[in-house]
């Protein structure tokens, strides 16, 4: 269903990519309301009228009313096309989708990053992040409850997602990849600290396997080829922690990330 929603909402998400819509959640909300408009079993309290949805399209996608009205009809037709009644199983909980696109799914080619071997020493901003990370991990190791350190986690996460792309740029990674890899880092930290209740230093193979083979594709909606960025993004993240002096030996975790990559790529291909 995650992949189905991505394909259905693609015309809406294009307005995020071109900068018309700043917040992807606004686009996804429109997609969800259009989707619900086609489902008779959706409760009245949840269902939005055509007029409400068209008004939201008009505002968010910066369209004239007539254009927004036509876009509504096009999206409803798209739903019918992608999920024709004649291919749906009877009485099942699964919907079959007409396949529109054949994606080329291959491991990310790291040679295009042009990563420098020159060390990038920590500066004062890195020190602030490393201090926040160290204090958070110490509190978790001490056994404090999540509610006691939740706000500190979000502060650390924000600092981390600022310093990591800064390091990537300093290592010569193109800005486009730096931004994409920083995006990959955010849900990983959520998984480690909020779902797994662990920390970035003590990541065992079972945790890596659960993240890639179960959690990631259920919780993060991107186009199938974009999932291939997570293994290299996390490998570089642990190299970043090592180079900044927070992690003594990153090789065991990096080796684990290399080991899971072929199986994860196969899963992405299977579900695409």
Protein backbone atom coordinates (compact mmCIF):
# COMPACT_ATOMS: atom_id res chain seq x y z
CA UNK A 1 0.00 0.00 0.00
CA UNK A 2 2.94 2.34 0.60
CA UNK A 3 4.11 1.92 -2.97
CA UNK A 4 0.55 2.21 -4.21
CA UNK A 5 0.10 5.57 -2.51
CA UNK A 6 3.44 6.82 -3.90
CA UNK A 7 2.38 5.96 -7.44
CA UNK A 8 -1.12 7.38 -7.01
CA UNK A 9 0.15 10.64 -5.50
CA UNK A 10 2.99 11.13 -8.02
CA UNK A 11 1.25 13.99 -9.90
CA UNK A 12 0.76 15.80 -6.57
CA UNK A 13 4.29 15.16 -5.32
CA UNK A 14 5.61 16.73 -8.53
CA UNK A 15 4.50 20.05 -7.05
CA UNK A 16 6.81 19.39 -4.09
CA UNK A 17 9.72 18.64 -6.39
CA UNK A 18 9.26 21.87 -8.36
CA UNK A 19 8.94 23.96 -5.17
CA UNK A 20 5.26 24.90 -5.48
CA UNK A 21 4.46 22.98 -2.28
CA UNK A 22 7.02 23.46 0.48
CA UNK A 23 5.79 20.80 2.91
CA UNK A 24 5.50 17.24 1.48
CA UNK A 25 2.93 16.45 4.18
CA UNK A 26 0.54 18.99 2.61
CA UNK A 27 0.79 17.15 -0.71
CA UNK A 28 0.35 13.75 0.93
CA UNK A 29 -2.74 15.01 2.75
CA UNK A 30 -4.30 16.00 -0.57
CA UNK A 31 -3.44 12.58 -1.96
CA UNK A 32 -5.03 10.85 1.02
CA UNK A 33 -8.21 12.90 0.79
CA UNK A 34 -8.51 12.19 -2.93
CA UNK A 35 -7.96 8.50 -2.21
CA UNK A 36 -10.62 8.51 0.50
CA UNK A 37 -13.05 10.21 -1.90
CA UNK A 38 -13.16 6.95 -3.88
CA UNK A 39 -13.81 4.66 -0.90
CA UNK A 40 -17.48 4.20 0.02
CA UNK A 41 -16.66 2.68 3.40
CA UNK A 42 -14.79 5.77 4.66
CA UNK A 43 -16.77 7.30 7.59
CA UNK A 44 -18.58 10.55 6.89
CA UNK A 45 -16.55 12.27 9.65
CA UNK A 46 -13.33 11.48 7.78
CA UNK A 47 -14.54 11.98 4.21
CA UNK A 48 -14.14 15.47 2.75
CA UNK A 49 -16.56 16.91 0.21
CA UNK A 50 -15.46 17.48 -3.36
CA UNK A 51 -15.70 21.22 -2.78
CA UNK A 52 -13.37 21.04 0.26
CA UNK A 53 -10.78 18.93 -1.56
CA UNK A 54 -10.88 21.12 -4.67
CA UNK A 55 -10.40 24.21 -2.47
CA UNK A 56 -7.38 22.56 -0.82
CA UNK A 57 -5.92 21.68 -4.24
CA UNK A 58 -6.50 25.25 -5.42
CA UNK A 59 -4.64 26.70 -2.44
CA UNK A 60 -1.80 24.21 -2.05
CA UNK A 61 -1.01 23.66 -5.73
CA UNK A 62 -1.62 27.33 -6.63
CA UNK A 63 -4.27 26.59 -9.27
CA UNK A 64 -7.30 28.43 -10.55
CA UNK A 65 -10.61 26.95 -9.39
CA UNK A 66 -11.43 25.45 -12.81
CA UNK A 67 -7.95 23.92 -13.05
CA UNK A 68 -8.20 22.47 -9.53
CA UNK A 69 -11.62 21.01 -10.34
CA UNK A 70 -10.21 19.30 -13.45
CA UNK A 71 -7.21 18.03 -11.44
CA UNK A 72 -9.62 16.43 -8.94
CA UNK A 73 -11.32 14.51 -11.78
CA UNK A 74 -7.96 13.47 -13.25
CA UNK A 75 -6.82 12.03 -9.91
CA UNK A 76 -10.06 10.08 -9.43
CA UNK A 77 -9.63 8.67 -12.94
CA UNK A 78 -6.02 7.82 -12.06
CA UNK A 79 -7.19 5.82 -9.05
CA UNK A 80 -9.62 3.87 -11.24
CA UNK A 81 -6.89 3.22 -13.80
CA UNK A 82 -4.28 2.09 -11.26
CA UNK A 83 -6.71 -0.12 -9.33
CA UNK A 84 -9.28 -1.44 -11.85
CA UNK A 85 -12.11 -3.44 -10.29
CA UNK A 86 -11.61 -6.37 -12.64
CA UNK A 87 -8.18 -7.27 -11.22
CA UNK A 88 -9.10 -6.96 -7.54
CA UNK A 89 -9.40 -10.15 -5.43
CA UNK A 90 -12.81 -10.79 -3.89
CA UNK A 91 -13.13 -10.30 -0.16
CA UNK A 92 -9.41 -9.76 0.28
CA UNK A 93 -7.45 -7.20 2.26
CA UNK A 94 -5.04 -6.68 -0.66
CA UNK A 95 -5.45 -4.43 -3.70
CA UNK A 96 -3.70 -5.16 -6.98
CA UNK A 97 -2.20 -2.21 -8.82
CA UNK A 98 -1.68 -1.88 -12.54
CA UNK A 99 2.06 -1.51 -12.99
CA UNK A 100 2.88 1.77 -14.73
CA UNK A 101 6.63 1.96 -14.38
CA UNK A 102 9.48 -0.54 -14.44
CA UNK A 103 12.15 0.85 -12.11
CA UNK A 104 15.82 0.15 -12.47
CA UNK A 105 16.85 -0.93 -8.98
CA UNK A 106 20.60 -1.30 -8.46
CA UNK A 107 23.04 -0.72 -5.59
CA UNK A 108 24.08 2.90 -5.24
CA UNK A 109 27.32 3.59 -7.12
CA UNK A 110 29.51 5.20 -4.47
CA UNK A 111 32.20 6.21 -6.97
CA UNK A 112 29.99 9.13 -8.02
CA UNK A 113 30.44 10.71 -4.57
CA UNK A 114 34.13 11.59 -5.14
CA UNK A 115 34.75 11.25 -1.41
CA UNK A 116 38.03 12.72 -0.19
CA UNK A 117 40.27 10.69 2.13
CA UNK A 118 41.41 13.86 3.89
CA UNK A 119 40.26 14.02 7.51
CA UNK A 120 37.81 16.75 8.50
CA UNK A 121 38.51 17.54 12.14
CA UNK A 122 35.63 18.53 14.45
CA UNK A 123 34.95 22.22 14.98
CA UNK A 124 32.98 23.97 17.73
CA UNK A 125 29.63 23.18 16.08
CA UNK A 126 30.59 19.51 15.86
CA UNK A 127 31.60 19.60 19.53
CA UNK A 128 28.12 20.82 20.47
CA UNK A 129 26.53 17.94 18.55
CA UNK A 130 28.96 15.34 19.95
CA UNK A 131 28.35 16.58 23.48
CA UNK A 132 24.57 16.32 23.00
CA UNK A 133 24.93 12.81 21.55
CA UNK A 134 27.26 11.67 24.32
CA UNK A 135 24.98 12.93 27.07
CA UNK A 136 21.93 11.33 25.46
CA UNK A 137 23.61 7.95 25.02
CA UNK A 138 24.85 8.06 28.62
CA UNK A 139 21.32 8.69 29.92
CA UNK A 140 19.95 5.80 27.87
CA UNK A 141 22.76 3.54 29.05
CA UNK A 142 21.95 4.56 32.64
CA UNK A 143 18.39 3.35 32.12
CA UNK A 144 16.42 6.59 32.10
CA UNK A 145 12.88 6.40 30.68
CA UNK A 146 12.16 7.71 27.19
CA UNK A 147 9.98 10.52 28.52
CA UNK A 148 12.95 11.85 30.48
CA UNK A 149 15.20 12.27 27.45
CA UNK A 150 12.74 12.67 24.54
CA UNK A 151 13.27 16.43 24.14
CA UNK A 152 17.05 15.94 24.28
CA UNK A 153 16.78 13.36 21.50
CA UNK A 154 15.05 15.80 19.16
CA UNK A 155 17.67 18.44 19.93
CA UNK A 156 20.46 15.95 19.19
CA UNK A 157 18.71 14.78 16.02
CA UNK A 158 18.48 18.34 14.70
CA UNK A 159 22.16 18.97 15.39
CA UNK A 160 23.15 15.67 13.82
CA UNK A 161 21.16 16.34 10.63
CA UNK A 162 22.94 19.70 10.37
CA UNK A 163 26.50 18.50 10.98
CA UNK A 164 26.38 15.32 8.88
CA UNK A 165 25.69 17.05 5.51
CA UNK A 166 28.21 19.74 6.47
CA UNK A 167 30.83 16.99 6.82
CA UNK A 168 29.75 15.39 3.53
CA UNK A 169 30.23 18.69 1.69
CA UNK A 170 33.65 19.13 3.31
CA UNK A 171 34.57 15.63 2.07
CA UNK A 172 33.71 16.67 -1.49
CA UNK A 173 30.29 14.99 -1.77
CA UNK A 174 28.02 16.92 -4.20
CA UNK A 175 25.33 18.99 -2.47
CA UNK A 176 22.48 16.97 -3.99
CA UNK A 177 23.74 13.76 -2.43
CA UNK A 178 24.55 15.53 0.85
CA UNK A 179 20.93 16.61 1.19
CA UNK A 180 19.57 13.21 0.18
CA UNK A 181 21.83 11.38 2.64
CA UNK A 182 20.83 13.78 5.44
CA UNK A 183 17.19 12.87 4.68
CA UNK A 184 18.12 9.19 5.05
CA UNK A 185 19.66 9.84 8.45
CA UNK A 186 16.55 11.35 10.06
CA UNK A 187 14.33 8.20 9.98
CA UNK A 188 17.29 6.03 10.97
CA UNK A 189 17.74 8.02 14.17
CA UNK A 190 14.01 7.76 14.82
CA UNK A 191 14.23 3.99 14.46
CA UNK A 192 17.28 3.60 16.69
CA UNK A 193 16.19 5.87 19.53
CA UNK A 194 12.39 5.88 19.42
CA UNK A 195 11.52 2.43 18.07
CA UNK A 196 14.46 0.26 19.09
CA UNK A 197 15.25 2.27 22.25
CA UNK A 198 18.95 1.83 21.60
CA UNK A 199 21.76 4.14 20.54
CA UNK A 200 23.98 4.57 17.49
CA UNK A 201 27.03 2.98 19.14
CA UNK A 202 25.47 -0.38 19.94
CA UNK A 203 23.87 -1.42 16.66
CA UNK A 204 23.95 -5.21 16.22
CA UNK A 205 23.25 -7.11 12.97
CA UNK A 206 19.70 -7.98 14.08
CA UNK A 207 18.87 -4.28 14.49
CA UNK A 208 20.28 -3.44 11.05
CA UNK A 209 18.28 -6.29 9.53
CA UNK A 210 15.04 -5.14 11.16
CA UNK A 211 15.56 -1.57 9.99
CA UNK A 212 16.14 -2.49 6.35
CA UNK A 213 14.01 -5.60 5.93
CA UNK A 214 10.93 -4.54 7.89
CA UNK A 215 10.77 -0.97 9.23
CA UNK A 216 12.11 1.30 6.49
CA UNK A 217 9.74 0.48 3.63
CA UNK A 218 6.74 0.49 5.98
CA UNK A 219 7.51 3.87 7.51
CA UNK A 220 9.18 5.95 4.78
CA UNK A 221 7.51 6.63 1.44
CA UNK A 222 9.92 7.33 -1.43
CA UNK A 223 10.22 6.12 -5.00
CA UNK A 224 11.73 2.61 -5.12
CA UNK A 225 15.16 3.60 -6.54
CA UNK A 226 15.62 6.11 -3.70
CA UNK A 227 15.68 3.33 -1.08
CA UNK A 228 19.08 2.30 -2.44
CA UNK A 229 20.58 5.47 -0.92
CA UNK A 230 20.10 4.28 2.66
CA UNK A 231 23.00 1.75 2.85
CA UNK A 232 25.68 4.21 1.61
CA UNK A 233 24.14 7.08 3.60
CA UNK A 234 24.42 5.10 6.84
CA UNK A 235 27.88 3.76 6.03
CA UNK A 236 29.09 7.33 5.60
CA UNK A 237 27.27 8.38 8.76
CA UNK A 238 29.32 5.91 10.81
CA UNK A 239 32.47 7.06 9.06
CA UNK A 240 31.45 10.61 10.03
CA UNK A 241 31.09 9.58 13.70
CA UNK A 242 34.46 7.85 13.57
CA UNK A 243 36.23 10.78 11.96
CA UNK A 244 34.75 13.17 14.52
CA UNK A 245 36.14 10.99 17.33
CA UNK A 246 32.86 9.63 18.71
CA UNK A 247 33.27 6.07 17.44
CA UNK A 248 36.55 4.21 17.88
CA UNK A 249 35.96 1.50 15.29
CA UNK A 250 33.24 1.94 12.68
CA UNK A 251 34.22 -1.08 10.60
CA UNK A 252 31.96 -3.72 12.27
CA UNK A 253 28.84 -1.61 11.67
CA UNK A 254 29.93 -0.59 8.17
CA UNK A 255 30.61 -4.26 7.36
CA UNK A 256 27.10 -5.11 8.56
CA UNK A 257 25.63 -2.42 6.31
CA UNK A 258 27.48 -3.85 3.32
CA UNK A 259 26.26 -7.34 4.23
CA UNK A 260 22.57 -6.40 4.35
CA UNK A 261 22.62 -4.35 1.13
CA UNK A 262 22.14 -7.19 -1.45
CA UNK A 263 19.21 -8.65 0.49
CA UNK A 264 17.66 -5.20 0.88
CA UNK A 265 18.05 -4.41 -2.84
CA UNK A 266 16.34 -7.73 -3.63
CA UNK A 267 13.45 -6.76 -1.32
CA UNK A 268 13.06 -3.37 -3.01
CA UNK A 269 12.96 -5.07 -6.43
CA UNK A 270 10.37 -7.56 -5.19
CA UNK A 271 8.06 -4.81 -3.92
CA UNK A 272 8.49 -2.42 -6.85
